[in-house]
Amino acid sequence: MNEGLNALVYCLSLSLFCITKLRRYYMESASRPKPDRYVLVISIDGMANYYLQDPNVRMPNLRELIRSGTCAEAMESVFPTATWAIHSSLVTGNYPRKHGVLGNWVVDRPNYRVGEHFGDRMWDKQDVLRGETWYDAAKRMGWTTASICWPVTRGADTIDYNIPEFYEQELFESHCTRSLWDELKAAGLPMELYGEWSKDHARGPMQDWLTTEIAKYIIDRHSPNLLQLHYLLPDSYQHDYGVRSKEVYWSLEYVDERIGEVLKALKQKGILDKTDVIVLSDHGFVNTTRTFYPNVLFKHKGWLAQNLKDEHDLKDSRVVAVSNGGSGYVYVLEDNAGAKELLMDEVRRALAESEGVGRLFEQEDFPSLGLPAAGEMDDHCPDFAFEAEPDCFVHFDYSGDEVNTSFTKFKGMHGFLPQREELKAVFVASGPSIRPGASLPEIRIVDVAPTIARLLGTELKDTDGSELDSLWKEEVRLWSF
């Protein structure tokens, strides 16, 4: 009885402590005057660094930002090069081992199901994303914040105007900032179609158009100090048509036109000359021609339940894999330590002998990949990770009989190791704080958050990345916290 009472008192005390800290946090941010400075961050999903050197890419607005500001030689992403993990690294300055979002898909061991970060379908931001983000820091500094179609932002209470990246209309309707959603509908924007347009690649241009129209509205009516946007079309078209296809060239030009409209809206509002603009991407792309189905392999071995109804029913399976595009995570769901060790040996051998597996990684390799070490994040951390061979897509599907096929659902793919040149991303910066022509060698994607924190007049503690201090004009470099 006493133990239960003590536990209850402890929980109540902890809750009161958290509420008090949260209240103080918002009181401090509310007491700060709204600054007359602005930051715009635009993420172009899937724009490989090699497109900047491609003469077929017509992006005059981006090239003008480079001319007036600076461009990194390249930007190394994180493993796996999958959108939800990468954008979590972008906003925190940390690798997945520290921020907790290990990929688009993981296995949620306690619930014996596949865990979907993709589409923010399962979890709110505070449930999965560890560490302070740049938008958390902006709010802490008294800035107003807005985010459109940005991954891992569902339920983010430090974003004043928030439309997370969803694919289901019901999630848009239930989890976007309600007052903003109602304003946008009243303004005549087709918000009831955001879900349809998000899921249908053929109507992807409409989704990116709607993202732009929302951004223009927010700039005109609310002028947030921090605005982050995520454009999807180049990623969608590379999956559908392959890299350097005519469709992809068109998509890059289309997104550049949308960027031009956002910059024009800032100018019309009279704040463009007060806005630091960061345009970046999350990963590059390679062409794929074949598919590896690890769960079909496990089914043949008798490790995956034959009567598996769906990916949310893994209780009778001993081994399962999830795909992150050009890589996979493998989970051995065996509770008995001795039996697990024997099964691990069999799984290791089966993967090493499988066509389609390029490199196999064990838990002792994980920290070098930015993944959790043994004993960390046990609920989601895999037992093995692997990178597929360069032209191979890893598919979760378990319904067929072939482990390897000479065709693929996608013509282009990412998810491979970020050190591959084809997977390198883009970083461009321009604005009143940016030194024109600053020399930026290849940077890391985890360097972006500490750099943006400088623009907010603060810093993020204990990040894996480092501030790009050569980016600044002299007066910005001399700012102290």
Protein backbone atom coordinates (compact mmCIF):
# COMPACT_ATOMS: atom_id res chain seq x y z
CA MET A 1 0.00 0.00 0.00
CA ASN A 2 2.76 2.45 1.01
CA GLU A 3 4.73 1.66 -2.16
CA GLY A 4 1.67 2.41 -4.32
CA LEU A 5 0.99 5.64 -2.45
CA ASN A 6 4.61 6.71 -2.79
CA ALA A 7 4.52 5.98 -6.52
CA LEU A 8 1.33 8.03 -6.88
CA VAL A 9 2.85 10.97 -4.98
CA TYR A 10 5.98 10.75 -7.15
CA CYS A 11 3.92 10.79 -10.37
CA LEU A 12 1.85 13.75 -9.19
CA SER A 13 4.99 15.64 -8.16
CA LEU A 14 6.61 14.93 -11.52
CA SER A 15 3.50 16.08 -13.38
CA LEU A 16 3.37 19.29 -11.34
CA PHE A 17 7.06 19.90 -12.02
CA CYS A 18 6.53 19.45 -15.80
CA ILE A 19 3.47 21.71 -15.83
CA THR A 20 5.37 24.39 -13.89
CA LYS A 21 8.31 24.23 -16.29
CA LEU A 22 6.02 24.37 -19.32
CA ARG A 23 4.12 27.33 -17.87
CA ARG A 24 7.39 29.18 -17.18
CA TYR A 25 8.60 28.34 -20.71
CA TYR A 26 5.56 29.95 -22.33
CA MET A 27 5.54 32.91 -19.94
CA GLU A 28 9.18 33.63 -20.79
CA SER A 29 8.57 33.35 -24.54
CA ALA A 30 5.40 35.44 -24.33
CA SER A 31 7.23 38.19 -22.44
CA ARG A 32 9.81 38.62 -25.20
CA PRO A 33 9.01 41.26 -27.82
CA LYS A 34 8.35 39.84 -31.31
CA PRO A 35 11.59 40.35 -33.25
CA ASP A 36 11.71 42.16 -36.56
CA ARG A 37 13.74 39.37 -38.16
CA TYR A 38 12.62 36.39 -40.20
CA VAL A 39 13.86 32.98 -41.30
CA LEU A 40 12.43 30.94 -44.18
CA VAL A 41 13.51 27.29 -44.50
CA ILE A 42 12.51 25.39 -47.63
CA SER A 43 13.13 21.67 -48.03
CA ILE A 44 12.99 20.24 -51.57
CA ASP A 45 12.48 16.53 -51.07
CA GLY A 46 14.84 14.40 -53.15
CA MET A 47 16.86 17.15 -54.87
CA ALA A 48 20.28 15.57 -55.30
CA ASN A 49 23.32 17.81 -55.17
CA TYR A 50 24.28 16.75 -58.70
CA TYR A 51 21.30 18.67 -60.09
CA LEU A 52 23.03 21.96 -59.25
CA GLN A 53 25.68 21.15 -61.86
CA ASP A 54 23.18 19.86 -64.42
CA PRO A 55 22.63 22.36 -67.29
CA ASN A 56 19.16 20.90 -67.89
CA VAL A 57 17.97 22.16 -64.51
CA ARG A 58 16.33 25.56 -64.86
CA MET A 59 15.93 27.03 -61.39
CA PRO A 60 16.49 30.80 -61.74
CA ASN A 61 15.18 31.68 -58.28
CA LEU A 62 17.44 29.17 -56.55
CA ARG A 63 20.42 30.26 -58.65
CA GLU A 64 19.77 33.91 -57.73
CA LEU A 65 19.82 32.93 -54.06
CA ILE A 66 23.16 31.23 -54.65
CA ARG A 67 24.49 34.29 -56.49
CA SER A 68 23.47 36.65 -53.69
CA GLY A 69 24.39 34.25 -50.90
CA THR A 70 26.26 30.97 -50.80
CA CYS A 71 26.02 27.27 -51.56
CA ALA A 72 27.74 24.32 -49.90
CA GLU A 73 29.77 22.04 -52.15
CA ALA A 74 27.48 19.23 -50.95
CA MET A 75 25.63 18.11 -47.83
CA GLU A 76 25.90 14.64 -46.34
CA SER A 77 22.61 13.28 -45.01
CA VAL A 78 22.00 10.57 -42.38
CA PHE A 79 21.37 6.84 -42.48
CA PRO A 80 18.91 5.74 -43.59
CA THR A 81 18.44 8.44 -46.20
CA ALA A 82 14.71 8.41 -45.55
CA THR A 83 12.59 11.54 -45.18
CA TRP A 84 11.32 11.25 -41.59
CA ALA A 85 14.70 10.41 -40.08
CA ILE A 86 16.43 13.13 -42.11
CA HIS A 87 14.02 15.93 -41.27
CA SER A 88 14.31 14.96 -37.61
CA SER A 89 18.10 15.33 -37.93
CA LEU A 90 17.63 18.63 -39.73
CA VAL A 91 15.59 20.29 -36.97
CA THR A 92 17.53 18.87 -33.99
CA GLY A 93 21.11 18.78 -35.30
CA ASN A 94 21.37 15.16 -34.15
CA TYR A 95 21.71 11.72 -35.69
CA PRO A 96 18.83 9.23 -35.26
CA ARG A 97 20.59 7.58 -32.31
CA LYS A 98 19.97 10.76 -30.33
CA HIS A 99 16.71 12.15 -31.73
CA GLY A 100 14.91 8.79 -31.86
CA VAL A 101 13.28 8.70 -35.31
CA LEU A 102 15.16 5.80 -36.89
CA GLY A 103 13.55 5.80 -40.32
CA ASN A 104 10.26 6.04 -42.16
CA TRP A 105 9.40 2.61 -40.78
CA VAL A 106 10.51 0.66 -37.72
CA VAL A 107 9.13 -2.27 -35.74
CA ASP A 108 7.36 -1.24 -32.55
CA ARG A 109 8.46 -4.22 -30.48
CA PRO A 110 6.22 -3.76 -27.40
CA ASN A 111 3.12 -3.70 -29.61
CA TYR A 112 4.27 -6.33 -32.14
CA ARG A 113 3.53 -4.07 -35.09
CA VAL A 114 5.24 -2.06 -37.79
CA GLY A 115 5.67 1.50 -36.58
CA GLU A 116 4.99 4.18 -39.18
CA HIS A 117 6.70 7.53 -38.89
CA PHE A 118 5.78 7.99 -42.55
CA GLY A 119 2.81 10.33 -42.85
CA ASP A 120 2.83 11.07 -39.10
CA ARG A 121 0.18 8.35 -38.86
CA MET A 122 0.92 6.89 -35.43
CA TRP A 123 2.68 9.30 -33.14
CA ASP A 124 2.73 12.93 -32.10
CA LYS A 125 6.03 14.76 -32.28
CA GLN A 126 6.55 14.74 -28.52
CA ASP A 127 6.07 10.97 -28.40
CA VAL A 128 9.02 10.17 -30.65
CA LEU A 129 11.28 13.17 -31.33
CA ARG A 130 13.90 13.79 -28.66
CA GLY A 131 15.81 17.02 -28.12
CA GLU A 132 15.01 20.65 -28.79
CA THR A 133 14.23 21.57 -32.38
CA TRP A 134 14.95 24.87 -34.08
CA TYR A 135 11.24 25.71 -33.99
CA ASP A 136 11.13 24.91 -30.26
CA ALA A 137 14.06 27.29 -29.81
CA ALA A 138 12.35 29.93 -31.95
CA LYS A 139 9.29 29.78 -29.72
CA ARG A 140 11.49 29.94 -26.65
CA MET A 141 12.97 33.17 -28.06
CA GLY A 142 9.53 34.72 -28.57
CA TRP A 143 9.33 34.12 -32.33
CA THR A 144 6.09 33.20 -34.08
CA THR A 145 6.38 29.91 -35.94
CA ALA A 146 4.70 28.28 -38.94
CA SER A 147 5.21 24.94 -40.64
CA ILE A 148 3.64 23.47 -43.77
CA CYS A 149 3.98 19.81 -44.82
CA TRP A 150 6.99 19.22 -42.55
CA PRO A 151 7.55 15.67 -41.23
CA VAL A 152 7.31 14.81 -37.51
CA THR A 153 5.33 17.90 -36.54
CA ARG A 154 2.01 16.35 -35.57
CA GLY A 155 0.97 17.83 -32.24
CA ALA A 156 4.00 20.15 -32.07
CA ASP A 157 2.78 22.77 -29.61
CA THR A 158 5.62 25.22 -30.34
CA ILE A 159 4.37 25.73 -33.91
CA ASP A 160 1.74 28.48 -34.00
CA TYR A 161 0.46 27.71 -37.52
CA ASN A 162 0.92 24.03 -38.26
CA ILE A 163 -0.06 21.75 -41.15
CA PRO A 164 2.03 18.55 -40.76
CA GLU A 165 2.85 16.17 -43.61
CA PHE A 166 -0.10 13.82 -43.82
CA TYR A 167 -1.54 11.61 -46.56
CA GLU A 168 -5.00 11.00 -45.10
CA GLN A 169 -7.56 13.80 -45.18
CA GLU A 170 -8.90 12.85 -41.76
CA LEU A 171 -5.47 13.55 -40.24
CA PHE A 172 -5.37 16.98 -41.89
CA GLU A 173 -8.82 17.72 -40.53
CA SER A 174 -8.05 16.60 -36.98
CA HIS A 175 -4.43 17.60 -36.37
CA CYS A 176 -3.78 20.87 -38.19
CA THR A 177 -4.03 24.17 -36.33
CA ARG A 178 -7.82 24.51 -36.31
CA SER A 179 -8.00 28.30 -36.50
CA LEU A 180 -5.61 28.36 -39.45
CA TRP A 181 -7.45 25.51 -41.21
CA ASP A 182 -10.74 27.38 -40.88
CA GLU A 183 -9.15 30.61 -42.12
CA LEU A 184 -7.75 28.87 -45.20
CA LYS A 185 -11.12 27.28 -46.03
CA ALA A 186 -12.85 30.64 -45.59
CA ALA A 187 -10.29 32.17 -47.96
CA GLY A 188 -11.40 29.72 -50.66
CA LEU A 189 -8.40 27.37 -50.67
CA PRO A 190 -9.33 23.72 -51.46
CA MET A 191 -8.23 22.30 -48.11
CA GLU A 192 -10.62 19.37 -48.49
CA LEU A 193 -8.35 18.04 -51.28
CA TYR A 194 -4.99 18.18 -49.50
CA GLY A 195 -5.18 14.48 -48.62
CA GLU A 196 -6.09 13.34 -52.15
CA TRP A 197 -3.41 15.49 -53.71
CA SER A 198 -0.82 14.25 -51.20
CA LYS A 199 -1.37 10.60 -52.09
CA ASP A 200 -1.68 10.94 -55.87
CA HIS A 201 1.66 11.62 -57.59
CA ALA A 202 -0.18 12.70 -60.75
CA ARG A 203 -1.69 15.53 -58.72
CA GLY A 204 1.52 16.24 -56.81
CA PRO A 205 1.92 19.64 -58.52
CA MET A 206 -1.43 20.63 -57.02
CA GLN A 207 -0.25 19.68 -53.54
CA ASP A 208 2.93 21.79 -53.85
CA TRP A 209 0.81 24.59 -55.31
CA LEU A 210 -1.50 24.41 -52.28
CA THR A 211 1.49 24.43 -49.90
CA THR A 212 2.65 27.61 -51.65
CA GLU A 213 -0.76 29.26 -51.47
CA ILE A 214 -0.94 28.50 -47.74
CA ALA A 215 2.53 29.97 -47.25
CA LYS A 216 1.54 33.14 -49.12
CA TYR A 217 -1.60 33.47 -47.00
CA ILE A 218 0.31 32.98 -43.73
CA ILE A 219 2.95 35.53 -44.76
CA ASP A 220 0.30 38.09 -45.68
CA ARG A 221 -1.97 37.60 -42.64
CA HIS A 222 0.41 36.48 -39.88
CA SER A 223 4.04 37.17 -40.94
CA PRO A 224 5.61 34.42 -38.80
CA ASN A 225 9.23 34.97 -37.84
CA LEU A 226 10.05 31.36 -38.72
CA LEU A 227 8.39 29.61 -41.66
CA GLN A 228 9.36 26.11 -42.82
CA LEU A 229 8.02 24.52 -46.03
CA HIS A 230 8.46 21.07 -47.53
CA TYR A 231 8.00 20.45 -51.27
CA LEU A 232 7.50 16.85 -52.43
CA LEU A 233 7.25 16.77 -56.21
CA PRO A 234 10.89 16.04 -57.22
CA ASP A 235 10.91 13.06 -54.84
CA SER A 236 7.62 11.71 -56.22
CA TYR A 237 8.70 12.04 -59.84
CA GLN A 238 12.08 10.41 -59.29
CA HIS A 239 10.33 7.43 -57.72
CA ASP A 240 7.99 7.26 -60.73
CA TYR A 241 10.27 8.19 -63.64
CA GLY A 242 13.86 7.82 -62.45
CA VAL A 243 16.66 10.32 -61.99
CA ARG A 244 17.39 13.00 -64.62
CA SER A 245 14.13 12.22 -66.40
CA LYS A 246 12.31 14.99 -68.23
CA GLU A 247 9.55 14.80 -65.64
CA VAL A 248 12.04 15.43 -62.84
CA TYR A 249 13.61 18.39 -64.65
CA TRP A 250 10.12 19.85 -65.00
CA SER A 251 9.35 19.22 -61.31
CA LEU A 252 12.47 21.10 -60.20
CA GLU A 253 11.55 24.05 -62.41
CA TYR A 254 7.99 23.93 -61.06
CA VAL A 255 9.17 23.98 -57.43
CA ASP A 256 11.54 26.83 -58.27
CA GLU A 257 8.55 28.82 -59.55
CA ARG A 258 6.76 28.14 -56.26
CA ILE A 259 9.82 29.35 -54.33
CA GLY A 260 9.72 32.51 -56.44
CA GLU A 261 6.11 33.08 -55.41
CA VAL A 262 6.98 32.74 -51.71
CA LEU A 263 9.85 35.21 -52.09
CA LYS A 264 7.51 37.59 -53.91
CA ALA A 265 5.01 37.34 -51.03
CA LEU A 266 7.76 38.28 -48.58
CA LYS A 267 8.68 41.24 -50.76
CA GLN A 268 5.06 42.41 -51.02
CA LYS A 269 4.81 42.21 -47.24
CA GLY A 270 7.94 44.35 -46.95
CA ILE A 271 10.02 41.78 -45.07
CA LEU A 272 12.13 40.08 -47.75
CA ASP A 273 15.17 42.22 -46.92
CA LYS A 274 14.79 41.12 -43.27
CA THR A 275 14.50 37.41 -44.12
CA ASP A 276 17.32 34.87 -44.16
CA VAL A 277 16.39 32.17 -46.67
CA ILE A 278 17.69 28.59 -46.38
CA VAL A 279 16.89 26.20 -49.25
CA LEU A 280 18.01 22.62 -48.80
CA SER A 281 17.14 19.04 -49.63
CA ASP A 282 17.08 15.87 -47.59
CA HIS A 283 18.71 13.29 -49.87
CA GLY A 284 19.67 12.41 -53.42
CA PHE A 285 18.52 9.55 -55.63
CA VAL A 286 19.71 6.56 -57.65
CA ASN A 287 17.92 4.53 -60.31
CA THR A 288 16.67 1.08 -59.28
CA THR A 289 15.92 -1.92 -61.53
CA ARG A 290 15.25 -4.83 -59.16
CA THR A 291 13.69 -5.69 -55.81
CA PHE A 292 14.69 -7.66 -52.72
CA TYR A 293 11.88 -9.02 -50.50
CA PRO A 294 13.44 -9.97 -47.14
CA ASN A 295 10.11 -10.94 -45.59
CA VAL A 296 9.49 -13.47 -48.35
CA LEU A 297 12.89 -14.96 -47.45
CA PHE A 298 11.87 -15.08 -43.80
CA LYS A 299 8.52 -16.62 -44.72
CA HIS A 300 10.30 -19.39 -46.63
CA LYS A 301 12.50 -19.99 -43.58
CA GLY A 302 9.42 -20.32 -41.37
CA TRP A 303 10.30 -17.22 -39.35
CA LEU A 304 7.47 -14.99 -40.55
CA ALA A 305 3.95 -16.10 -39.66
CA GLN A 306 2.28 -17.80 -42.63
CA ASN A 307 -1.14 -16.48 -41.62
CA LEU A 308 0.05 -12.89 -41.12
CA LYS A 309 -3.00 -10.69 -41.67
CA ASP A 310 -1.24 -7.36 -41.78
CA GLU A 311 1.85 -5.56 -40.52
CA HIS A 312 0.10 -4.72 -37.24
CA ASP A 313 -0.05 -8.36 -36.19
CA LEU A 314 3.49 -9.66 -35.66
CA LYS A 315 2.85 -11.69 -32.49
CA ASP A 316 3.39 -15.06 -34.18
CA SER A 317 6.48 -14.01 -36.19
CA ARG A 318 10.06 -14.56 -35.10
CA VAL A 319 11.85 -12.41 -37.71
CA VAL A 320 10.56 -9.44 -39.70
CA ALA A 321 12.11 -6.69 -41.81
CA VAL A 322 10.99 -3.17 -42.64
CA SER A 323 12.11 -1.20 -45.64
CA ASN A 324 13.56 2.28 -45.75
CA GLY A 325 13.95 2.28 -49.52
CA GLY A 326 17.51 1.29 -50.33
CA SER A 327 18.07 -0.18 -46.88
CA GLY A 328 16.32 -2.42 -44.40
CA TYR A 329 16.02 -3.08 -40.67
CA VAL A 330 15.69 -6.66 -39.41
CA TYR A 331 14.10 -7.51 -36.04
CA VAL A 332 14.47 -10.86 -34.29
CA LEU A 333 11.36 -11.18 -32.11
CA GLU A 334 12.57 -13.93 -29.79
CA ASP A 335 12.40 -13.36 -26.03
CA ASN A 336 14.52 -16.33 -24.90
CA ALA A 337 18.17 -15.19 -24.92
CA GLY A 338 19.64 -18.55 -25.91
CA ALA A 339 17.10 -19.15 -28.67
CA LYS A 340 17.59 -15.60 -29.93
CA GLU A 341 21.35 -16.04 -30.19
CA LEU A 342 20.93 -19.20 -32.29
CA LEU A 343 18.31 -17.55 -34.46
CA MET A 344 20.50 -14.47 -34.92
CA ASP A 345 23.23 -16.71 -36.38
CA GLU A 346 20.76 -18.17 -38.86
CA VAL A 347 19.41 -14.76 -39.86
CA ARG A 348 22.92 -13.37 -40.25
CA ARG A 349 23.86 -16.22 -42.56
CA ALA A 350 20.64 -15.96 -44.59
CA LEU A 351 21.12 -12.22 -45.17
CA ALA A 352 24.82 -12.54 -46.00
CA GLU A 353 24.00 -15.13 -48.65
CA SER A 354 21.10 -13.16 -50.15
CA GLU A 355 21.31 -11.52 -53.54
CA GLY A 356 20.35 -7.87 -53.15
CA VAL A 357 22.06 -7.30 -49.79
CA GLY A 358 25.08 -5.08 -50.32
CA ARG A 359 26.36 -4.46 -46.79
CA LEU A 360 25.18 -6.02 -43.54
CA PHE A 361 25.53 -4.13 -40.25
CA GLU A 362 25.30 -5.49 -36.71
CA GLN A 363 24.61 -3.59 -33.51
CA GLU A 364 28.29 -2.93 -32.85
CA ASP A 365 28.33 -1.07 -36.20
CA PHE A 366 25.28 1.04 -35.41
CA PRO A 367 26.95 4.01 -33.64
CA SER A 368 29.14 4.61 -36.70
CA LEU A 369 25.91 4.83 -38.73
CA GLY A 370 24.31 7.24 -36.25
CA LEU A 371 21.99 4.48 -34.98
CA PRO A 372 21.44 3.38 -31.37
CA ALA A 373 24.02 1.19 -29.65
CA ALA A 374 23.06 -2.06 -27.92
CA GLY A 375 20.70 -1.32 -25.04
CA GLU A 376 19.53 2.02 -26.48
CA MET A 377 16.02 2.54 -27.87
CA ASP A 378 15.24 -1.15 -27.47
CA ASP A 379 11.58 -0.61 -28.41
CA HIS A 380 12.47 0.42 -31.98
CA CYS A 381 16.13 -0.48 -32.55
CA PRO A 382 16.70 -3.35 -35.02
CA ASP A 383 19.03 -6.31 -34.57
CA PHE A 384 20.50 -5.92 -38.05
CA ALA A 385 20.58 -3.17 -40.64
CA PHE A 386 21.57 -3.60 -44.24
CA GLU A 387 22.13 -1.51 -47.32
CA ALA A 388 20.83 -2.97 -50.56
CA GLU A 389 22.98 -3.28 -53.66
CA PRO A 390 23.06 0.06 -55.54
CA ASP A 391 20.26 -0.66 -58.04
CA CYS A 392 18.01 -2.61 -55.67
CA PHE A 393 14.87 -1.55 -53.78
CA VAL A 394 13.98 -3.26 -50.48
CA HIS A 395 10.27 -4.07 -50.32
CA PHE A 396 8.35 -4.93 -47.14
CA ASP A 397 5.79 -7.07 -49.01
CA TYR A 398 5.54 -10.72 -47.94
CA SER A 399 2.65 -11.90 -50.12
CA GLY A 400 4.64 -13.30 -53.05
CA ASP A 401 7.02 -16.23 -53.43
CA GLU A 402 10.06 -14.62 -55.07
CA VAL A 403 12.81 -13.24 -52.85
CA ASN A 404 14.42 -11.30 -55.69
CA THR A 405 12.86 -9.93 -58.87
CA SER A 406 14.27 -8.20 -61.93
CA PHE A 407 11.63 -5.47 -61.79
CA THR A 408 10.77 -2.80 -59.25
CA LYS A 409 7.83 -0.72 -58.10
CA PHE A 410 9.99 2.41 -58.21
CA LYS A 411 12.39 3.57 -60.92
CA GLY A 412 14.30 5.77 -58.48
CA MET A 413 15.09 5.29 -54.81
CA HIS A 414 16.92 6.64 -51.76
CA GLY A 415 17.59 5.13 -48.33
CA PHE A 416 21.15 4.04 -49.12
CA LEU A 417 24.24 5.14 -47.18
CA PRO A 418 24.53 8.95 -47.13
CA GLN A 419 28.22 8.85 -48.08
CA ARG A 420 27.32 7.83 -51.64
CA GLU A 421 27.81 10.81 -53.96
CA GLU A 422 24.40 10.28 -55.55
CA LEU A 423 22.76 10.62 -52.13
CA LYS A 424 24.38 13.98 -51.26
CA ALA A 425 21.93 16.85 -50.68
CA VAL A 426 21.77 20.61 -51.36
CA PHE A 427 22.32 23.57 -49.02
CA VAL A 428 21.83 27.19 -50.12
CA ALA A 429 21.63 30.29 -47.89
CA SER A 430 20.96 33.94 -48.67
CA GLY A 431 19.80 36.98 -46.74
CA PRO A 432 20.81 39.89 -44.55
CA SER A 433 22.90 37.71 -42.20
CA ILE A 434 24.64 35.68 -44.91
CA ARG A 435 28.06 36.60 -46.28
CA PRO A 436 27.83 36.57 -50.10
CA GLY A 437 30.20 34.10 -51.67
CA ALA A 438 31.10 32.48 -48.35
CA SER A 439 33.21 29.39 -48.86
CA LEU A 440 31.35 26.33 -47.67
CA PRO A 441 32.93 22.93 -48.24
CA GLU A 442 30.85 19.79 -47.92
CA ILE A 443 28.76 20.02 -44.75
CA ARG A 444 26.63 17.59 -42.75
CA ILE A 445 22.88 17.81 -42.47
CA VAL A 446 23.23 17.87 -38.66
CA ASP A 447 25.09 21.20 -39.01
CA VAL A 448 21.93 22.99 -40.18
CA ALA A 449 20.06 23.22 -36.85
CA PRO A 450 22.93 24.76 -34.84
CA THR A 451 23.39 27.22 -37.71
CA ILE A 452 19.74 28.26 -37.79
CA ALA A 453 19.81 28.59 -33.99
CA ARG A 454 22.36 31.39 -34.47
CA LEU A 455 19.79 33.24 -36.62
CA LEU A 456 17.32 32.87 -33.76
CA GLY A 457 19.77 34.48 -31.35
CA THR A 458 20.27 31.32 -29.31
CA GLU A 459 21.87 27.88 -29.47
CA LEU A 460 20.84 24.26 -29.24
CA LYS A 461 22.59 22.29 -26.51
CA ASP A 462 24.55 19.08 -27.07
CA THR A 463 24.07 18.67 -30.82
CA ASP A 464 25.97 16.28 -33.06
CA GLY A 465 26.32 19.06 -35.61
CA SER A 466 28.34 22.29 -35.53
CA GLU A 467 27.42 25.83 -36.47
CA LEU A 468 28.61 26.91 -39.93
CA ASP A 469 30.27 30.06 -38.62
CA SER A 470 31.96 30.92 -41.93
CA LEU A 471 28.47 31.60 -43.30
CA TRP A 472 27.92 34.84 -41.41
CA LYS A 473 28.56 38.47 -41.99
CA GLU A 474 30.90 39.86 -39.35
CA GLU A 475 28.20 41.44 -37.17
CA VAL A 476 26.33 38.12 -36.92
CA ARG A 477 29.50 36.23 -36.03
CA LEU A 478 30.01 38.62 -33.11
CA TRP A 479 26.57 37.94 -31.61
CA SER A 480 26.84 36.45 -28.13
CA PHE A 481 24.22 34.41 -26.30
